[in-house]
Structure formats: structure tokens, C-alpha cells
Amino acid sequence: HQTKLVQLATKLDLDLYQLRDELSELIDEGKETSEPLWAVELWPEPVPTVVVLSELVAKISKHVAAEPHEILVIALWAMMTWIHQDAARHSAFLVITSSDPDFGKTTVLEVLGFTALRPSHDTDITGPTLYRFIDQIKPTMLMDETEDLLKRRDIKAIVLKSHSRDGTIKRQERMAGRLVTVHFSPFCPKAFALIELNVPAPLISRSITIQVWAKLPNSKVSFDHVDDEEFAGLRRKLARWASDEVPNLKQAKEPLFPTGFDNRLADLWRLLLSIAELAGRNWPQRARKAAEGLSRSHTTPSWRRRLLE
């Protein structure tokens, strides 16, 4: 695809990057029908941020066994995927971990698959496919069982580059006997399910980490792995919310950060806290408290700390 695009730009004497932007607009017009979960009709009337966030937290709580503050962060991250391409300066990776393979990491990814923008579930993918796919589609990557994948040098480099909007993957494309440098953007929301945090440290420092637990015997949490009317309605509301609120979030002033949140830590939480502030009521305080709690356990998972205690 990229080689043909370079050839076309040369033949028509057009700027390569302008041509790619115009092609992306055409892709945007048609790609919503390529996957069932991508075809989302806007909710007919404006939906306040507080309504979307409240309903999303309630829905996720039905299906995911996690602490309330972690449910809130999952909900904020799902909302963030809908405005990521327009409003994010840095991409906060979401890492879902547990001490046991059967504690519900995949369930979290599946729930995100019904609530995030253009979800793509992947367990194995090559480096070239990864950056080309992201550059073209701008999906939400939901990657399960990826411990070994993230240790690969090419995948690690692509993921780390994708933390910043300015990060690009440079590749040489041959055209008419000469090589032309093409810049691919790997910038999109990414969530990873991991049994252990035995992955490159730079990845963890760019991630918000959620610890999931086995359900308690009397828990009412359940998930039948099926899309339903609630999920479909939430996607429509999220689409309308994003359409209405992107300008506000792009122009929003810095959110109120917890003490000590600067540099990369501020980059991770900026957009999530901005969404919470847009919701108002007690959501900003709850979001800041969640950010503080998860950041304290950023390098040591909560289950390990509990075992040591």
C-alpha cells in the first residue's frame, strides 16, 4: 500500500504526506463498516460527560472483578479512546495484570472491546503489520498474552515510540529504483493483559497498571462474552459525547494533579483527569484518588505488596 502511494504521489507530482492525509479521510468515511463494532451511529442528542461516565462505571462493574477505583480508571480509559486521536498528546498504555491466568484479564479486554473506539483484539502480530495497521486505521489495540511479544526488539521499539504523538517509525520504501523514507505513526490507545510484569521497564513506566482478582464466592460479577443492548447504547453515547466534547478537551487547561504528578506521570494521567473534571460532581476527586493509589503501586503490583504484608 505504501509503495503504491509513493508511486502515485510521484506520478501526480503531489506531496506524499498530503496525499496520505487525503487518503486517510477517505478511509475514515468507509472503514466504520469494515468491522461490526466499528459501525456506531451517534446518539441523537447530547450526552453529558457525567452521564456517560456513570453508566460506563456501572456497566463495567457488572462484568469485572476489581476495586472501585480501578473500575473508574478502566471506564475513563475507555472514554479516552474515543478522543485519543484528536486530544491526546501522550498515550497512556493500560496494563491489566493478575497473579493467576484465570482471574479475568481477558474479560477486561473483552469489555473494553465493547466500549472502546475501533477495538482490535490481537495475541500475536508482526512489527511491520503493527505499525502499518495502526497508521492506517487508528484502532484501539487490545493485546492478550503478550509477555513474549513485548520482549521482541521490534515490537518493544514500536510500542515505546507510540507513547508520544510525535513518535514515528521510519521505513525505506523502494520506488522506481530508489528508496524513499516513509514515516508511519504508531500512535493509538493500547491495552495489554499480562500475568506478570516481566516486561521491559520502560513499558511499565508509560503504563497505568490495573490488578484484577478472582471473584469472591458471593460476587454477582458475571460476563457472558456477548455484546448486548447496554454496550451498544453506550457506544452510541460515547460516539456522541466524543463528537461534542473534543473541542473542550483540546482546549482544556491543565487538570488538578495529585501532589508529585509531573513529567511522565502527568502525561499518563492528564487526559483521564481532564475527562473526570469535565464530568464534575465528585468524579475529579475520585479520579485523583485513584491516580494516587495506582501510582503508588506502579512498580510493585498490589498482590505482591499484600503477600509481603
Protein backbone atom coordinates (compact mmCIF):
# COMPACT_ATOMS: atom_id res chain seq x y z
CA HIS A 1 0.00 0.00 0.00
CA GLN A 2 2.72 2.48 0.97
CA THR A 3 4.82 1.67 -2.10
CA LYS A 4 1.86 2.31 -4.41
CA LEU A 5 1.12 5.52 -2.55
CA VAL A 6 4.68 6.75 -3.08
CA GLN A 7 4.41 5.86 -6.77
CA LEU A 8 1.10 7.72 -7.09
CA ALA A 9 2.45 10.81 -5.34
CA THR A 10 5.46 10.88 -7.67
CA LYS A 11 3.36 10.33 -10.80
CA LEU A 12 0.92 13.11 -9.90
CA ASP A 13 3.68 15.39 -8.54
CA LEU A 14 1.89 15.64 -5.18
CA ASP A 15 3.22 15.92 -1.65
CA LEU A 16 3.34 12.39 -0.19
CA TYR A 17 2.11 13.38 3.28
CA GLN A 18 -0.76 15.49 1.92
CA LEU A 19 -1.82 12.58 -0.25
CA ARG A 20 -1.69 10.23 2.75
CA ASP A 21 -3.87 12.64 4.77
CA GLU A 22 -6.44 12.83 1.97
CA LEU A 23 -6.44 9.06 1.64
CA SER A 24 -6.94 8.74 5.41
CA GLU A 25 -10.04 10.92 5.16
CA LEU A 26 -11.46 8.59 2.51
CA ILE A 27 -10.62 5.59 4.68
CA ASP A 28 -12.37 7.25 7.65
CA GLU A 29 -15.53 7.57 5.56
CA GLY A 30 -15.64 3.88 4.76
CA LYS A 31 -13.83 1.97 7.47
CA GLU A 32 -16.68 2.13 10.00
CA THR A 33 -18.47 -0.63 8.11
CA SER A 34 -15.47 -2.98 7.95
CA GLU A 35 -15.99 -4.32 11.49
CA PRO A 36 -19.38 -4.74 13.23
CA LEU A 37 -18.28 -2.96 16.42
CA TRP A 38 -16.87 -0.05 14.40
CA ALA A 39 -20.21 0.94 12.84
CA VAL A 40 -21.55 3.27 15.54
CA GLU A 41 -24.49 5.59 14.99
CA LEU A 42 -24.36 8.75 17.08
CA TRP A 43 -26.78 9.09 19.97
CA PRO A 44 -29.48 11.53 18.77
CA GLU A 45 -28.98 14.15 21.49
CA PRO A 46 -26.07 15.47 23.57
CA VAL A 47 -24.92 13.25 26.42
CA PRO A 48 -23.26 14.94 29.44
CA THR A 49 -19.88 13.57 30.47
CA VAL A 50 -21.19 12.69 33.93
CA VAL A 51 -23.93 10.52 32.40
CA VAL A 52 -21.56 8.61 30.12
CA LEU A 53 -19.02 8.06 32.90
CA SER A 54 -21.63 6.96 35.44
CA GLU A 55 -23.24 4.49 33.05
CA LEU A 56 -19.88 3.14 31.93
CA VAL A 57 -18.71 2.57 35.52
CA ALA A 58 -21.98 0.80 36.33
CA LYS A 59 -21.73 -1.42 33.26
CA ILE A 60 -18.08 -2.40 33.80
CA SER A 61 -18.80 -3.15 37.47
CA LYS A 62 -21.26 -5.83 36.37
CA HIS A 63 -18.59 -7.75 34.48
CA VAL A 64 -15.16 -7.05 36.00
CA ALA A 65 -13.91 -8.09 39.46
CA ALA A 66 -11.73 -5.18 40.54
CA GLU A 67 -11.58 -2.42 43.14
CA PRO A 68 -13.97 0.55 42.59
CA HIS A 69 -11.11 2.95 41.85
CA GLU A 70 -9.75 0.53 39.25
CA ILE A 71 -13.19 0.22 37.62
CA LEU A 72 -13.25 4.02 37.40
CA VAL A 73 -9.87 4.11 35.69
CA ILE A 74 -10.93 1.42 33.19
CA ALA A 75 -14.02 3.49 32.40
CA LEU A 76 -12.01 6.70 31.98
CA TRP A 77 -9.53 4.89 29.75
CA ALA A 78 -12.36 3.54 27.57
CA MET A 79 -13.72 7.09 27.20
CA MET A 80 -10.25 8.34 26.39
CA THR A 81 -10.01 6.02 23.35
CA TRP A 82 -12.83 7.96 21.67
CA ILE A 83 -10.99 11.29 21.79
CA HIS A 84 -7.41 9.98 21.79
CA GLN A 85 -6.57 10.82 18.19
CA ASP A 86 -7.87 14.37 18.50
CA ALA A 87 -6.95 15.38 22.04
CA ALA A 88 -4.09 13.21 23.38
CA ARG A 89 -0.51 14.43 23.45
CA HIS A 90 0.75 11.24 25.06
CA SER A 91 -0.74 7.76 25.06
CA ALA A 92 -1.23 6.09 28.44
CA PHE A 93 -0.93 2.34 27.97
CA LEU A 94 -3.28 0.27 30.11
CA VAL A 95 -1.75 -2.87 31.62
CA ILE A 96 -4.11 -5.47 33.10
CA THR A 97 -2.30 -7.93 35.34
CA SER A 98 -3.12 -10.67 37.83
CA SER A 99 -1.34 -13.35 39.83
CA ASP A 100 -3.27 -16.12 38.09
CA PRO A 101 -4.14 -16.76 34.42
CA ASP A 102 -7.84 -17.21 35.22
CA PHE A 103 -8.50 -14.05 37.25
CA GLY A 104 -10.19 -12.08 34.45
CA LYS A 105 -7.59 -10.17 32.44
CA THR A 106 -9.09 -11.31 29.14
CA THR A 107 -12.53 -10.33 30.43
CA VAL A 108 -11.34 -6.75 30.93
CA LEU A 109 -10.06 -6.65 27.35
CA GLU A 110 -13.34 -8.07 26.06
CA VAL A 111 -15.35 -5.49 27.99
CA LEU A 112 -13.10 -2.80 26.54
CA GLY A 113 -13.72 -4.37 23.14
CA PHE A 114 -17.40 -3.50 23.53
CA THR A 115 -16.78 0.05 24.81
CA ALA A 116 -13.60 1.37 23.14
CA LEU A 117 -13.27 3.02 19.74
CA ARG A 118 -12.42 0.65 16.86
CA PRO A 119 -11.23 -2.27 19.04
CA SER A 120 -8.76 -4.75 17.62
CA HIS A 121 -8.02 -7.91 19.64
CA ASP A 122 -4.55 -9.31 19.00
CA THR A 123 -2.45 -12.03 20.61
CA ASP A 124 0.33 -12.18 18.03
CA ILE A 125 1.36 -9.69 15.38
CA THR A 126 4.48 -8.79 13.43
CA GLY A 127 6.18 -5.45 13.77
CA PRO A 128 5.52 -4.27 10.19
CA THR A 129 1.88 -5.30 10.41
CA LEU A 130 1.52 -3.49 13.75
CA TYR A 131 2.77 -0.07 12.69
CA ARG A 132 1.15 -0.20 9.23
CA PHE A 133 -2.20 -1.24 10.68
CA ILE A 134 -2.14 1.49 13.32
CA ASP A 135 -1.04 4.15 10.84
CA GLN A 136 -3.95 3.33 8.54
CA ILE A 137 -6.81 2.51 10.92
CA LYS A 138 -6.04 4.22 14.26
CA PRO A 139 -7.62 1.37 16.27
CA THR A 140 -7.65 0.62 19.98
CA MET A 141 -5.18 -2.27 20.29
CA LEU A 142 -6.27 -4.85 22.89
CA MET A 143 -3.40 -7.32 23.24
CA ASP A 144 -3.71 -10.52 25.28
CA GLU A 145 -0.97 -12.95 26.36
CA THR A 146 1.72 -10.59 25.17
CA GLU A 147 4.59 -11.18 27.62
CA ASP A 148 6.86 -12.74 24.98
CA LEU A 149 5.63 -10.42 22.23
CA LEU A 150 6.64 -7.32 24.21
CA LYS A 151 10.14 -8.70 24.71
CA ARG A 152 10.76 -8.65 20.96
CA ARG A 153 13.03 -5.80 19.98
CA ASP A 154 10.91 -4.54 17.07
CA ILE A 155 7.60 -4.67 18.97
CA LYS A 156 9.17 -3.00 22.01
CA ALA A 157 10.55 -0.17 19.87
CA ILE A 158 7.21 0.39 18.13
CA VAL A 159 5.24 0.43 21.39
CA LEU A 160 7.66 2.78 23.16
CA LYS A 161 7.65 5.13 20.16
CA SER A 162 3.87 5.20 20.28
CA HIS A 163 3.76 6.82 23.73
CA SER A 164 4.18 10.25 22.15
CA ARG A 165 2.15 11.69 19.29
CA ASP A 166 5.42 12.77 17.67
CA GLY A 167 6.86 9.25 17.62
CA THR A 168 7.18 7.77 14.14
CA ILE A 169 8.52 4.59 12.59
CA LYS A 170 10.78 5.40 9.64
CA ARG A 171 10.99 2.84 6.87
CA GLN A 172 12.51 2.85 3.42
CA GLU A 173 10.12 2.09 0.55
CA ARG A 174 11.59 1.30 -2.88
CA MET A 175 10.05 3.20 -5.76
CA ALA A 176 11.28 3.36 -9.36
CA GLY A 177 14.67 2.04 -8.34
CA ARG A 178 15.23 4.45 -5.46
CA LEU A 179 14.45 4.41 -1.76
CA VAL A 180 12.05 6.90 -0.22
CA THR A 181 11.68 7.39 3.54
CA VAL A 182 8.11 6.93 4.76
CA HIS A 183 7.01 7.87 8.28
CA PHE A 184 4.42 5.61 9.94
CA SER A 185 2.57 6.75 13.06
CA PRO A 186 2.05 4.03 15.73
CA PHE A 187 0.05 6.45 17.94
CA CYS A 188 -3.16 4.84 19.21
CA PRO A 189 -4.62 3.54 22.52
CA LYS A 190 -3.13 0.22 23.63
CA ALA A 191 -4.06 -2.17 26.43
CA PHE A 192 -2.04 -5.24 27.42
CA ALA A 193 -3.04 -8.25 29.52
CA LEU A 194 -0.07 -9.75 31.40
CA ILE A 195 0.22 -12.48 34.03
CA GLU A 196 3.37 -10.92 35.41
CA LEU A 197 5.02 -7.55 34.92
CA ASN A 198 8.07 -9.29 33.49
CA VAL A 199 8.23 -6.90 30.54
CA PRO A 200 10.58 -4.03 29.66
CA ALA A 201 10.67 -1.43 32.44
CA PRO A 202 10.19 1.49 30.02
CA LEU A 203 6.82 0.00 29.07
CA ILE A 204 5.65 -0.10 32.69
CA SER A 205 6.75 3.49 33.25
CA ARG A 206 4.47 4.50 30.38
CA SER A 207 1.54 2.46 31.67
CA ILE A 208 -1.34 2.61 34.10
CA THR A 209 -1.45 -0.78 35.80
CA ILE A 210 -4.66 -2.44 36.98
CA GLN A 211 -4.65 -5.51 39.22
CA VAL A 212 -7.65 -7.84 38.81
CA TRP A 213 -8.64 -10.52 41.30
CA ALA A 214 -10.61 -13.73 41.37
CA LYS A 215 -14.29 -13.25 42.11
CA LEU A 216 -15.41 -13.71 45.69
CA PRO A 217 -17.79 -16.64 46.29
CA ASN A 218 -20.76 -14.31 46.79
CA SER A 219 -19.85 -11.96 43.94
CA LYS A 220 -22.56 -11.06 41.43
CA VAL A 221 -19.99 -10.14 38.78
CA SER A 222 -20.53 -12.15 35.60
CA PHE A 223 -19.84 -11.86 31.88
CA ASP A 224 -21.28 -13.92 29.05
CA HIS A 225 -18.83 -12.51 26.46
CA VAL A 226 -21.68 -11.26 24.30
CA ASP A 227 -22.42 -7.77 23.04
CA ASP A 228 -25.77 -6.53 24.34
CA GLU A 229 -28.10 -3.53 24.11
CA GLU A 230 -26.38 -1.79 27.02
CA PHE A 231 -22.99 -2.00 25.33
CA ALA A 232 -24.48 -0.86 22.00
CA GLY A 233 -26.21 2.09 23.67
CA LEU A 234 -23.03 3.07 25.48
CA ARG A 235 -21.05 3.06 22.22
CA ARG A 236 -23.61 5.40 20.64
CA LYS A 237 -23.45 7.72 23.65
CA LEU A 238 -19.65 7.62 23.67
CA ALA A 239 -19.57 8.49 19.98
CA ARG A 240 -21.90 11.46 20.51
CA TRP A 241 -20.02 12.55 23.64
CA ALA A 242 -16.71 12.48 21.78
CA SER A 243 -18.15 14.39 18.83
CA ASP A 244 -19.40 17.13 21.16
CA GLU A 245 -16.57 17.32 23.70
CA VAL A 246 -13.39 17.02 21.64
CA PRO A 247 -13.09 20.82 21.26
CA ASN A 248 -13.49 21.31 25.02
CA LEU A 249 -10.88 18.69 25.85
CA LYS A 250 -8.41 20.01 23.27
CA GLN A 251 -8.67 23.49 24.79
CA ALA A 252 -8.97 22.42 28.43
CA LYS A 253 -6.50 23.84 30.91
CA GLU A 254 -4.27 21.50 32.87
CA PRO A 255 -6.29 19.33 35.29
CA LEU A 256 -5.58 19.42 39.00
CA PHE A 257 -2.93 16.76 39.55
CA PRO A 258 -2.17 14.98 42.82
CA THR A 259 0.98 16.17 44.58
CA GLY A 260 4.11 14.99 42.82
CA PHE A 261 2.48 14.29 39.47
CA ASP A 262 4.80 15.82 36.88
CA ASN A 263 6.73 14.82 33.78
CA ARG A 264 5.77 11.33 32.60
CA LEU A 265 3.34 10.68 35.47
CA ALA A 266 1.41 13.81 34.49
CA ASP A 267 1.48 12.71 30.84
CA LEU A 268 -0.10 9.39 31.79
CA TRP A 269 -2.99 10.89 33.71
CA ARG A 270 -3.59 14.25 32.01
CA LEU A 271 -6.41 13.24 29.68
CA LEU A 272 -8.11 10.85 32.12
CA LEU A 273 -8.19 13.52 34.85
CA SER A 274 -9.42 16.08 32.32
CA ILE A 275 -12.35 13.81 31.46
CA ALA A 276 -13.14 13.40 35.16
CA GLU A 277 -13.07 17.18 35.65
CA LEU A 278 -15.42 17.58 32.70
CA ALA A 279 -17.81 15.18 34.48
CA GLY A 280 -17.82 17.32 37.62
CA ARG A 281 -19.52 16.39 40.89
CA ASN A 282 -17.19 14.12 42.93
CA TRP A 283 -15.62 12.45 39.90
CA PRO A 284 -12.45 14.62 39.82
CA GLN A 285 -11.68 13.81 43.47
CA ARG A 286 -12.32 10.11 42.88
CA ALA A 287 -10.12 10.11 39.79
CA ARG A 288 -7.25 11.85 41.59
CA LYS A 289 -7.50 9.41 44.47
CA ALA A 290 -7.43 6.51 42.00
CA ALA A 291 -4.40 8.00 40.26
CA GLU A 292 -2.55 8.36 43.57
CA GLY A 293 -3.37 4.80 44.63
CA LEU A 294 -2.38 3.20 41.36
CA SER A 295 0.76 5.28 41.01
CA ARG A 296 1.99 4.28 44.47
CA SER A 297 1.78 0.65 43.37
CA HIS A 298 3.15 1.45 39.91
CA THR A 299 6.36 -0.51 40.33
CA THR A 300 5.08 -3.18 42.73
CA PRO A 301 1.75 -4.87 41.94
CA SER A 302 -0.80 -4.77 44.77
CA TRP A 303 -0.93 -8.56 45.07
CA ARG A 304 2.79 -8.69 45.77
CA ARG A 305 2.53 -5.96 48.38
CA ARG A 306 -0.31 -7.84 50.06
CA LEU A 307 1.70 -11.06 50.12
CA LEU A 308 4.61 -9.21 51.70
CA GLU A 309 2.30 -7.74 54.31
